[in-house]
Amino acid sequence: MTQDDRERAPSEPASTRLVLLGTGTPNADPRHWGPAVAVITGGQSYLVDAGVGIVRQAAAAAERGVPELRPERLQRVFVTHLHSDHTLGLPDLLLSPWVLDRPVPLEAYGPAGLAAMTRHIEEGWREDIDIRLHGQEPLSTDTYRAVVHPIEPGRVYEDAHVRIDAIPVHHGSWREAYGFRFETADRTIVVSGDTTPIEAIVEAARGCDILLHEVYSAARLLARPADWQAYHRAHHTSTAELAALAAQARPALLVCYHQLYWGATDAELVEEIREAGYDGDVVSGCDLDVF
């Protein structure tokens, strides 16, 4: 972001937006669909992860004023890691926009194993694909396919609107897990993915416009069984840890997502972060929030 960009008049709205399509976890919480977010810039959408309900949530966002998320415009996705809650929407993202006239295959960027996953999805829905192509439906394209791009740390994508870097993160025993840093003409947005607190996110997010970071309630963790406490500490970031991380990075706005509440409220999560010493702007995000 240039100095001119930072000196934009406060009344001038940012053209880059962050849309939370789903903030959920593996918990079957009907208020929070599977983890998926979108960065909107230059008339294009850039998805991160594909949780359950991604296409319908995108359609809901389109109805609320984000036309870049209409089904036929869901053309690229960046996958943080291959946990099921982050990828259960991939069949939806591959096939539904195809039926709804997506003009190109899905471009998918992610860790090793993503190509095999999309290939098996295609094979698993072979009967459906054959019927749609060779039955009475007027479909004749192969845009149900994914063009998969394996990624490594560093620059993974660039076009006229955005530069995207993959940030290696630590998510328990996963060999590959990433966050992503989006830099556009007017905003820098960092998405943590699933991770423990790490310096790489601090460096990527230092002074950014929005840091979107996963979180769990440090207070409510103590009521969990001991083995689950150990798991969450090794895989995720507590409210106290996020407060310390954000105090170093100093984003203009900290947005929590992929929240593990265990009975806490959004207000309580924010209060935990405040009590841990973070004094910057922070919100606990909800599905279909736009920032």
Protein backbone atom coordinates (compact mmCIF):
# COMPACT_ATOMS: atom_id res chain seq x y z
CA MET A 1 0.00 0.00 0.00
CA THR A 2 1.43 3.40 -0.98
CA GLN A 3 1.52 6.54 1.15
CA ASP A 4 -1.13 8.05 -1.13
CA ASP A 5 -3.40 5.07 -0.44
CA ARG A 6 -2.96 5.50 3.32
CA GLU A 7 -3.87 9.19 3.07
CA ARG A 8 -7.25 8.59 1.43
CA ALA A 9 -9.98 10.83 2.85
CA PRO A 10 -11.88 9.03 5.64
CA SER A 11 -15.16 9.54 3.76
CA GLU A 12 -13.90 7.67 0.68
CA PRO A 13 -14.95 4.02 0.98
CA ALA A 14 -12.41 1.28 0.33
CA SER A 15 -13.05 -0.57 -2.89
CA THR A 16 -11.59 -3.78 -1.46
CA ARG A 17 -13.96 -5.66 0.82
CA LEU A 18 -13.69 -8.72 3.04
CA VAL A 19 -16.82 -10.90 3.16
CA LEU A 20 -17.26 -13.62 5.77
CA LEU A 21 -19.22 -16.36 4.04
CA GLY A 22 -18.84 -18.81 6.90
CA THR A 23 -17.19 -18.52 10.31
CA GLY A 24 -17.94 -22.00 11.60
CA THR A 25 -15.98 -24.98 12.88
CA PRO A 26 -16.73 -28.73 12.74
CA ASN A 27 -19.42 -28.06 15.38
CA ALA A 28 -22.90 -28.33 13.84
CA ASP A 29 -23.90 -24.77 14.71
CA PRO A 30 -26.71 -23.60 12.39
CA ARG A 31 -25.74 -19.94 12.92
CA HIS A 32 -22.25 -20.47 11.53
CA TRP A 33 -21.68 -22.12 8.16
CA GLY A 34 -18.40 -23.75 7.23
CA PRO A 35 -15.24 -21.63 7.10
CA ALA A 36 -15.02 -19.59 3.91
CA VAL A 37 -14.23 -15.95 3.23
CA ALA A 38 -13.92 -13.77 0.13
CA VAL A 39 -11.76 -10.81 -0.72
CA ILE A 40 -13.49 -8.62 -3.29
CA THR A 41 -11.47 -6.20 -5.40
CA GLY A 42 -11.35 -4.98 -8.99
CA GLY A 43 -14.72 -6.58 -9.73
CA GLN A 44 -13.34 -10.05 -8.87
CA SER A 45 -13.77 -12.47 -5.97
CA TYR A 46 -10.95 -14.39 -4.32
CA LEU A 47 -12.18 -17.13 -2.00
CA VAL A 48 -10.30 -18.57 0.94
CA ASP A 49 -11.40 -22.09 1.90
CA ALA A 50 -14.60 -23.90 0.98
CA GLY A 51 -16.62 -24.84 4.02
CA VAL A 52 -20.13 -26.29 3.96
CA GLY A 53 -22.66 -23.96 2.32
CA ILE A 54 -20.16 -21.83 0.44
CA VAL A 55 -22.15 -21.36 -2.78
CA ARG A 56 -25.43 -20.50 -1.06
CA GLN A 57 -23.67 -18.17 1.33
CA ALA A 58 -22.00 -16.51 -1.63
CA ALA A 59 -25.40 -16.16 -3.29
CA ALA A 60 -26.76 -14.61 -0.08
CA ALA A 61 -23.90 -12.11 -0.10
CA ALA A 62 -24.63 -11.33 -3.75
CA GLU A 63 -28.25 -10.58 -2.86
CA ARG A 64 -26.96 -8.21 -0.16
CA GLY A 65 -24.96 -6.14 -2.62
CA VAL A 66 -21.82 -8.10 -3.52
CA PRO A 67 -22.47 -9.15 -7.14
CA GLU A 68 -18.93 -10.50 -7.49
CA LEU A 69 -20.14 -13.48 -5.45
CA ARG A 70 -22.82 -14.64 -7.85
CA PRO A 71 -22.31 -18.38 -8.55
CA GLU A 72 -20.94 -17.98 -12.08
CA ARG A 73 -18.29 -15.59 -10.73
CA LEU A 74 -16.84 -18.02 -8.18
CA GLN A 75 -13.76 -18.79 -10.24
CA ARG A 76 -10.79 -19.06 -7.85
CA VAL A 77 -10.17 -20.40 -4.35
CA PHE A 78 -7.16 -20.46 -2.03
CA VAL A 79 -7.18 -23.39 0.39
CA THR A 80 -5.42 -23.03 3.74
CA HIS A 81 -5.22 -26.76 4.51
CA LEU A 82 -7.15 -29.94 3.89
CA HIS A 83 -9.13 -30.39 7.10
CA SER A 84 -12.65 -31.52 6.20
CA ASP A 85 -14.42 -28.47 7.64
CA HIS A 86 -12.40 -26.25 5.26
CA THR A 87 -12.99 -28.41 2.19
CA LEU A 88 -16.44 -30.05 2.50
CA GLY A 89 -17.81 -27.32 0.23
CA LEU A 90 -15.40 -28.12 -2.61
CA PRO A 91 -17.87 -30.40 -4.46
CA ASP A 92 -20.41 -27.56 -4.21
CA LEU A 93 -17.86 -25.02 -5.43
CA LEU A 94 -16.82 -27.23 -8.34
CA LEU A 95 -20.22 -28.39 -9.53
CA SER A 96 -22.91 -25.86 -8.59
CA PRO A 97 -21.38 -22.84 -10.39
CA TRP A 98 -20.77 -25.09 -13.40
CA VAL A 99 -24.48 -25.90 -13.59
CA LEU A 100 -25.15 -22.18 -13.12
CA ASP A 101 -23.01 -21.15 -16.11
CA ARG A 102 -19.54 -20.54 -14.74
CA PRO A 103 -17.61 -19.93 -17.98
CA VAL A 104 -14.24 -21.30 -16.82
CA PRO A 105 -12.93 -24.14 -14.64
CA LEU A 106 -12.28 -23.41 -10.98
CA GLU A 107 -8.72 -22.26 -10.31
CA ALA A 108 -7.69 -23.83 -6.98
CA TYR A 109 -4.53 -22.97 -5.07
CA GLY A 110 -3.50 -25.02 -2.08
CA PRO A 111 -1.26 -27.60 -0.42
CA ALA A 112 -0.20 -31.00 -1.68
CA GLY A 113 -3.20 -33.32 -1.78
CA LEU A 114 -5.60 -30.75 -3.19
CA ALA A 115 -5.21 -32.10 -6.74
CA ALA A 116 -6.04 -35.62 -5.59
CA MET A 117 -9.02 -34.32 -3.61
CA THR A 118 -10.52 -32.51 -6.59
CA ARG A 119 -9.81 -35.45 -8.88
CA HIS A 120 -11.66 -37.81 -6.54
CA ILE A 121 -14.58 -35.36 -6.31
CA GLU A 122 -14.83 -35.41 -10.09
CA GLU A 123 -14.75 -39.21 -10.08
CA GLY A 124 -17.24 -39.45 -7.23
CA TRP A 125 -19.77 -37.34 -9.14
CA ARG A 126 -19.06 -39.00 -12.51
CA GLU A 127 -22.65 -40.21 -12.95
CA ASP A 128 -24.00 -36.72 -12.30
CA ILE A 129 -21.48 -35.15 -14.70
CA ASP A 130 -22.23 -37.66 -17.44
CA ILE A 131 -26.00 -37.17 -17.14
CA ARG A 132 -25.68 -33.40 -17.20
CA LEU A 133 -23.36 -33.47 -20.22
CA HIS A 134 -25.05 -36.22 -22.22
CA GLY A 135 -28.66 -36.11 -21.01
CA GLN A 136 -31.26 -33.46 -21.74
CA GLU A 137 -29.63 -30.59 -19.86
CA PRO A 138 -28.11 -27.97 -22.17
CA LEU A 139 -24.62 -28.28 -20.69
CA SER A 140 -21.64 -28.86 -22.94
CA THR A 141 -18.64 -27.39 -21.09
CA ASP A 142 -16.05 -29.02 -18.85
CA THR A 143 -15.97 -26.14 -16.40
CA TYR A 144 -16.87 -28.49 -13.54
CA ARG A 145 -13.14 -29.21 -13.40
CA ALA A 146 -10.52 -27.69 -11.13
CA VAL A 147 -7.19 -26.44 -12.37
CA VAL A 148 -5.05 -27.03 -9.29
CA HIS A 149 -1.94 -25.00 -8.48
CA PRO A 150 0.21 -26.46 -5.67
CA ILE A 151 1.57 -23.68 -3.47
CA GLU A 152 4.62 -23.01 -1.34
CA PRO A 153 5.39 -20.11 1.00
CA GLY A 154 5.65 -16.78 -0.79
CA ARG A 155 3.88 -15.27 -3.78
CA VAL A 156 1.24 -17.67 -5.11
CA TYR A 157 -0.92 -15.37 -7.25
CA GLU A 158 -0.84 -11.96 -8.86
CA ASP A 159 -3.05 -10.14 -11.32
CA ALA A 160 -3.96 -6.53 -12.10
CA HIS A 161 -5.99 -6.26 -8.88
CA VAL A 162 -4.22 -8.21 -6.13
CA ARG A 163 -1.02 -9.82 -4.96
CA ILE A 164 -1.44 -12.89 -2.75
CA ASP A 165 1.26 -14.46 -0.59
CA ALA A 166 1.02 -17.78 1.25
CA ILE A 167 2.16 -17.68 4.88
CA PRO A 168 3.28 -21.01 6.40
CA VAL A 169 1.49 -21.53 9.70
CA HIS A 170 1.53 -24.17 12.44
CA HIS A 171 -1.60 -26.27 12.75
CA GLY A 172 -0.72 -29.26 14.87
CA SER A 173 0.59 -32.20 12.87
CA TRP A 174 -0.41 -30.90 9.43
CA ARG A 175 2.66 -30.89 7.17
CA GLU A 176 1.25 -28.00 5.16
CA ALA A 177 -1.03 -25.25 6.40
CA TYR A 178 -1.15 -21.66 5.24
CA GLY A 179 -2.54 -18.23 5.89
CA PHE A 180 -2.79 -15.68 3.09
CA ARG A 181 -1.86 -12.03 2.69
CA PHE A 182 -3.84 -10.00 0.14
CA GLU A 183 -2.42 -6.70 -1.03
CA THR A 184 -4.59 -4.51 -3.28
CA ALA A 185 -4.42 -0.87 -4.36
CA ASP A 186 -6.22 0.31 -1.23
CA ARG A 187 -6.02 -2.40 1.43
CA THR A 188 -3.89 -5.16 2.89
CA ILE A 189 -5.83 -8.08 4.40
CA VAL A 190 -4.29 -11.07 6.20
CA VAL A 191 -6.24 -14.30 6.75
CA SER A 192 -4.71 -16.60 9.35
CA GLY A 193 -6.30 -19.91 8.46
CA ASP A 194 -6.04 -22.43 11.31
CA THR A 195 -2.91 -21.84 13.36
CA THR A 196 -1.27 -21.43 16.70
CA PRO A 197 0.11 -17.91 17.27
CA ILE A 198 3.26 -17.54 15.16
CA GLU A 199 5.69 -14.80 14.23
CA ALA A 200 5.03 -15.27 10.49
CA ILE A 201 1.48 -13.95 10.92
CA VAL A 202 2.73 -11.04 13.01
CA GLU A 203 5.18 -10.04 10.28
CA ALA A 204 2.67 -10.48 7.46
CA ALA A 205 -0.01 -8.52 9.32
CA ARG A 206 2.15 -5.72 10.73
CA GLY A 207 0.22 -2.48 10.09
CA CYS A 208 -2.30 -4.18 7.79
CA ASP A 209 -5.85 -2.91 7.32
CA ILE A 210 -7.58 -6.12 8.46
CA LEU A 211 -6.24 -9.16 10.28
CA LEU A 212 -8.79 -11.99 10.15
CA HIS A 213 -7.70 -14.53 12.74
CA GLU A 214 -9.11 -17.72 14.19
CA VAL A 215 -9.64 -17.84 17.96
CA TYR A 216 -10.95 -19.88 20.88
CA SER A 217 -12.18 -18.78 24.28
CA ALA A 218 -9.34 -19.09 26.79
CA ALA A 219 -11.82 -18.97 29.67
CA ARG A 220 -14.13 -21.67 28.32
CA LEU A 221 -11.22 -23.96 27.32
CA LEU A 222 -10.70 -24.74 31.00
CA ALA A 223 -14.01 -26.61 31.14
CA ARG A 224 -13.00 -28.90 28.27
CA PRO A 225 -11.57 -32.41 28.86
CA ALA A 226 -7.81 -32.46 29.32
CA ASP A 227 -7.10 -34.20 26.02
CA TRP A 228 -9.15 -31.63 24.11
CA GLN A 229 -7.42 -28.81 25.96
CA ALA A 230 -4.07 -30.18 24.78
CA TYR A 231 -5.39 -30.51 21.23
CA HIS A 232 -6.68 -26.95 21.00
CA ARG A 233 -3.52 -25.49 22.48
CA ALA A 234 -1.46 -27.35 19.85
CA HIS A 235 -3.66 -26.40 16.90
CA HIS A 236 -5.34 -23.06 17.56
CA THR A 237 -5.02 -19.58 19.11
CA SER A 238 -6.61 -18.49 22.38
CA THR A 239 -8.11 -15.07 23.02
CA ALA A 240 -5.14 -14.23 25.26
CA GLU A 241 -2.63 -15.35 22.63
CA LEU A 242 -4.46 -13.41 19.92
CA ALA A 243 -4.38 -10.29 22.06
CA ALA A 244 -0.59 -10.57 22.35
CA LEU A 245 -0.19 -11.28 18.63
CA ALA A 246 -2.38 -8.35 17.60
CA ALA A 247 -0.55 -6.03 20.00
CA GLN A 248 2.60 -6.74 18.00
CA ALA A 249 1.03 -6.59 14.53
CA ARG A 250 -1.22 -3.56 15.21
CA PRO A 251 -3.75 -4.08 12.42
CA ALA A 252 -6.21 -1.26 11.82
CA LEU A 253 -8.96 -3.82 12.53
CA LEU A 254 -8.77 -7.26 14.12
CA VAL A 255 -11.62 -9.57 13.08
CA CYS A 256 -12.10 -12.94 14.82
CA TYR A 257 -13.47 -15.86 12.83
CA HIS A 258 -13.60 -19.67 13.01
CA GLN A 259 -14.44 -19.07 16.67
CA LEU A 260 -14.62 -21.84 19.22
CA TYR A 261 -17.16 -20.42 21.68
CA TRP A 262 -18.07 -23.37 23.93
CA GLY A 263 -20.96 -21.28 25.23
CA ALA A 264 -19.29 -17.87 25.15
CA THR A 265 -20.80 -15.00 23.18
CA ASP A 266 -19.14 -12.80 20.59
CA ALA A 267 -19.10 -9.98 23.14
CA GLU A 268 -17.38 -12.25 25.67
CA LEU A 269 -14.69 -13.23 23.17
CA VAL A 270 -13.97 -9.56 22.51
CA GLU A 271 -13.94 -8.87 26.24
CA GLU A 272 -11.42 -11.69 26.80
CA ILE A 273 -9.16 -10.10 24.18
CA ARG A 274 -9.58 -6.70 25.85
CA GLU A 275 -8.85 -8.12 29.31
CA ALA A 276 -5.67 -9.70 27.92
CA GLY A 277 -4.43 -6.22 27.10
CA TYR A 278 -5.31 -5.52 23.47
CA ASP A 279 -6.58 -1.95 22.98
CA GLY A 280 -7.02 -1.84 19.20
CA ASP A 281 -10.25 -2.13 17.21
CA VAL A 282 -11.56 -5.69 17.37
CA VAL A 283 -14.80 -7.44 16.42
CA SER A 284 -15.97 -11.03 16.49
CA GLY A 285 -17.19 -11.70 12.96
CA CYS A 286 -20.50 -13.27 11.96
CA ASP A 287 -21.56 -14.99 8.75
CA LEU A 288 -22.17 -12.50 5.90
CA ASP A 289 -20.43 -9.63 7.67
CA VAL A 290 -18.66 -7.31 5.23
CA PHE A 291 -15.63 -5.23 6.19
